[in-house]
Amino acid sequence: MTDEFLSFSKAQGNDLVTPRPELEFPGLSPGNRWCLCLGRWIEALEATRAERLPETTVPPVVLEATNEAVLDSVDLETLESHAYDA
């Protein structure tokens, strides 16, 4: 997670920062790894292009942990340009 993505997601109505103990959700911080739905990731990608948001609004992708079916919606070059470098 990046700070920019967490802020973007919260502005879209998906608050991933605030802890929700009743759901056993601790809240996320920049640097956390989280399984993100493809729709939200694409939404962030499109917003960086349309609204000129910082590129870090699109969280890095752990390619080895990404389902191959994502390639039906996002080309490999785009995924590789957002690959997580550990």
C-alpha atoms as a PDB file:
ATOM      1  CA  MET A   1       0.000   0.000   0.000  1.00  0.00           C
ATOM      2  CA  THR A   2       1.043   3.553  -0.646  1.00  0.00           C
ATOM      3  CA  ASP A   3      -0.163   6.589   1.256  1.00  0.00           C
ATOM      4  CA  GLU A   4      -1.508   8.020  -1.997  1.00  0.00           C
ATOM      5  CA  PHE A   5      -3.512   4.882  -2.758  1.00  0.00           C
ATOM      6  CA  LEU A   6      -4.938   4.695   0.760  1.00  0.00           C
ATOM      7  CA  SER A   7      -6.051   8.331   0.497  1.00  0.00           C
ATOM      8  CA  PHE A   8      -7.500   7.723  -2.972  1.00  0.00           C
ATOM      9  CA  SER A   9      -9.370   4.630  -1.818  1.00  0.00           C
ATOM     10  CA  LYS A  10     -10.808   6.440   1.200  1.00  0.00           C
ATOM     11  CA  ALA A  11     -11.975   9.296  -1.043  1.00  0.00           C
ATOM     12  CA  GLN A  12     -13.751   6.670  -3.179  1.00  0.00           C
ATOM     13  CA  GLY A  13     -15.619   5.390  -0.115  1.00  0.00           C
ATOM     14  CA  ASN A  14     -13.378   2.439   0.760  1.00  0.00           C
ATOM     15  CA  ASP A  15     -11.583   3.345   3.996  1.00  0.00           C
ATOM     16  CA  LEU A  16      -8.756   0.857   4.409  1.00  0.00           C
ATOM     17  CA  VAL A  17      -6.946   2.920   7.066  1.00  0.00           C
ATOM     18  CA  THR A  18      -9.398   2.967   9.960  1.00  0.00           C
ATOM     19  CA  PRO A  19      -9.201  -0.104  12.206  1.00  0.00           C
ATOM     20  CA  ARG A  20     -12.438  -2.093  12.494  1.00  0.00           C
ATOM     21  CA  PRO A  21     -11.955  -4.335  15.546  1.00  0.00           C
ATOM     22  CA  GLU A  22     -15.478  -5.740  15.209  1.00  0.00           C
ATOM     23  CA  LEU A  23     -14.361  -7.186  11.845  1.00  0.00           C
ATOM     24  CA  GLU A  24     -10.876  -8.065  13.112  1.00  0.00           C
ATOM     25  CA  PHE A  25      -9.464  -5.538  10.615  1.00  0.00           C
ATOM     26  CA  PRO A  26      -6.444  -3.646  11.967  1.00  0.00           C
ATOM     27  CA  GLY A  27      -6.420  -0.939   9.277  1.00  0.00           C
ATOM     28  CA  LEU A  28      -3.679  -0.588   6.685  1.00  0.00           C
ATOM     29  CA  SER A  29      -0.619   1.638   6.580  1.00  0.00           C
ATOM     30  CA  PRO A  30       1.736   2.575   3.755  1.00  0.00           C
ATOM     31  CA  GLY A  31       4.070  -0.352   3.118  1.00  0.00           C
ATOM     32  CA  ASN A  32       1.529  -3.034   4.058  1.00  0.00           C
ATOM     33  CA  ARG A  33       0.822  -5.809   1.574  1.00  0.00           C
ATOM     34  CA  TRP A  34      -2.867  -6.353   0.868  1.00  0.00           C
ATOM     35  CA  CYS A  35      -4.805  -8.375  -1.671  1.00  0.00           C
ATOM     36  CA  LEU A  36      -6.508  -5.711  -3.721  1.00  0.00           C
ATOM     37  CA  CYS A  37      -9.441  -6.241  -6.049  1.00  0.00           C
ATOM     38  CA  LEU A  38      -8.682  -5.643  -9.704  1.00  0.00           C
ATOM     39  CA  GLY A  39     -11.458  -3.093 -10.095  1.00  0.00           C
ATOM     40  CA  ARG A  40     -10.031  -0.743  -7.462  1.00  0.00           C
ATOM     41  CA  TRP A  41      -6.509  -1.116  -8.882  1.00  0.00           C
ATOM     42  CA  ILE A  42      -7.732  -0.237 -12.396  1.00  0.00           C
ATOM     43  CA  GLU A  43      -9.728   2.661 -10.944  1.00  0.00           C
ATOM     44  CA  ALA A  44      -6.533   4.043  -9.385  1.00  0.00           C
ATOM     45  CA  LEU A  45      -4.627   3.504 -12.632  1.00  0.00           C
ATOM     46  CA  GLU A  46      -7.253   5.343 -14.661  1.00  0.00           C
ATOM     47  CA  ALA A  47      -7.368   8.181 -12.117  1.00  0.00           C
ATOM     48  CA  THR A  48      -3.610   8.704 -12.371  1.00  0.00           C
ATOM     49  CA  ARG A  49      -4.046   9.147 -16.112  1.00  0.00           C
ATOM     50  CA  ALA A  50      -7.264  11.192 -16.173  1.00  0.00           C
ATOM     51  CA  GLU A  51      -6.755  13.308 -13.071  1.00  0.00           C
ATOM     52  CA  ARG A  52      -2.965  13.478 -13.194  1.00  0.00           C
ATOM     53  CA  LEU A  53      -2.643  11.987  -9.728  1.00  0.00           C
ATOM     54  CA  PRO A  54       0.806  10.871  -8.543  1.00  0.00           C
ATOM     55  CA  GLU A  55       1.917   7.575 -10.086  1.00  0.00           C
ATOM     56  CA  THR A  56       2.213   6.202  -6.542  1.00  0.00           C
ATOM     57  CA  THR A  57      -1.593   6.303  -6.355  1.00  0.00           C
ATOM     58  CA  VAL A  58      -1.408   2.938  -8.148  1.00  0.00           C
ATOM     59  CA  PRO A  59      -0.075   0.450  -5.586  1.00  0.00           C
ATOM     60  CA  PRO A  60       2.792  -1.815  -6.624  1.00  0.00           C
ATOM     61  CA  VAL A  61       1.915  -5.289  -7.872  1.00  0.00           C
ATOM     62  CA  VAL A  62       3.570  -8.468  -6.605  1.00  0.00           C
ATOM     63  CA  LEU A  63       3.561 -10.243  -9.955  1.00  0.00           C
ATOM     64  CA  GLU A  64       4.192 -13.692  -8.472  1.00  0.00           C
ATOM     65  CA  ALA A  65       1.077 -13.298  -6.318  1.00  0.00           C
ATOM     66  CA  THR A  66      -1.144 -11.982  -9.110  1.00  0.00           C
ATOM     67  CA  ASN A  67      -3.665 -14.256 -10.772  1.00  0.00           C
ATOM     68  CA  GLU A  68      -3.029 -14.812 -14.479  1.00  0.00           C
ATOM     69  CA  ALA A  69      -6.654 -13.891 -15.228  1.00  0.00           C
ATOM     70  CA  VAL A  70      -5.730 -10.247 -14.538  1.00  0.00           C
ATOM     71  CA  LEU A  71      -4.151 -10.274 -18.002  1.00  0.00           C
ATOM     72  CA  ASP A  72      -7.680 -10.324 -19.432  1.00  0.00           C
ATOM     73  CA  SER A  73      -8.069  -6.743 -18.128  1.00  0.00           C
ATOM     74  CA  VAL A  74      -4.552  -5.316 -17.826  1.00  0.00           C
ATOM     75  CA  ASP A  75      -1.691  -5.835 -20.237  1.00  0.00           C
ATOM     76  CA  LEU A  76       1.542  -7.334 -18.961  1.00  0.00           C
ATOM     77  CA  GLU A  77       3.562  -4.225 -19.773  1.00  0.00           C
ATOM     78  CA  THR A  78       1.359  -2.119 -17.488  1.00  0.00           C
ATOM     79  CA  LEU A  79       1.624  -4.672 -14.687  1.00  0.00           C
ATOM     80  CA  GLU A  80       5.392  -4.864 -15.088  1.00  0.00           C
ATOM     81  CA  SER A  81       5.657  -1.067 -14.955  1.00  0.00           C
ATOM     82  CA  HIS A  82       3.959  -1.246 -11.532  1.00  0.00           C
ATOM     83  CA  ALA A  83       5.814  -4.316 -10.288  1.00  0.00           C
ATOM     84  CA  TYR A  84       6.880  -4.400  -6.663  1.00  0.00           C
ATOM     85  CA  ASP A  85      10.660  -4.364  -6.267  1.00  0.00           C
ATOM     86  CA  ALA A  86      11.586  -6.056  -3.020  1.00  0.00           C
END
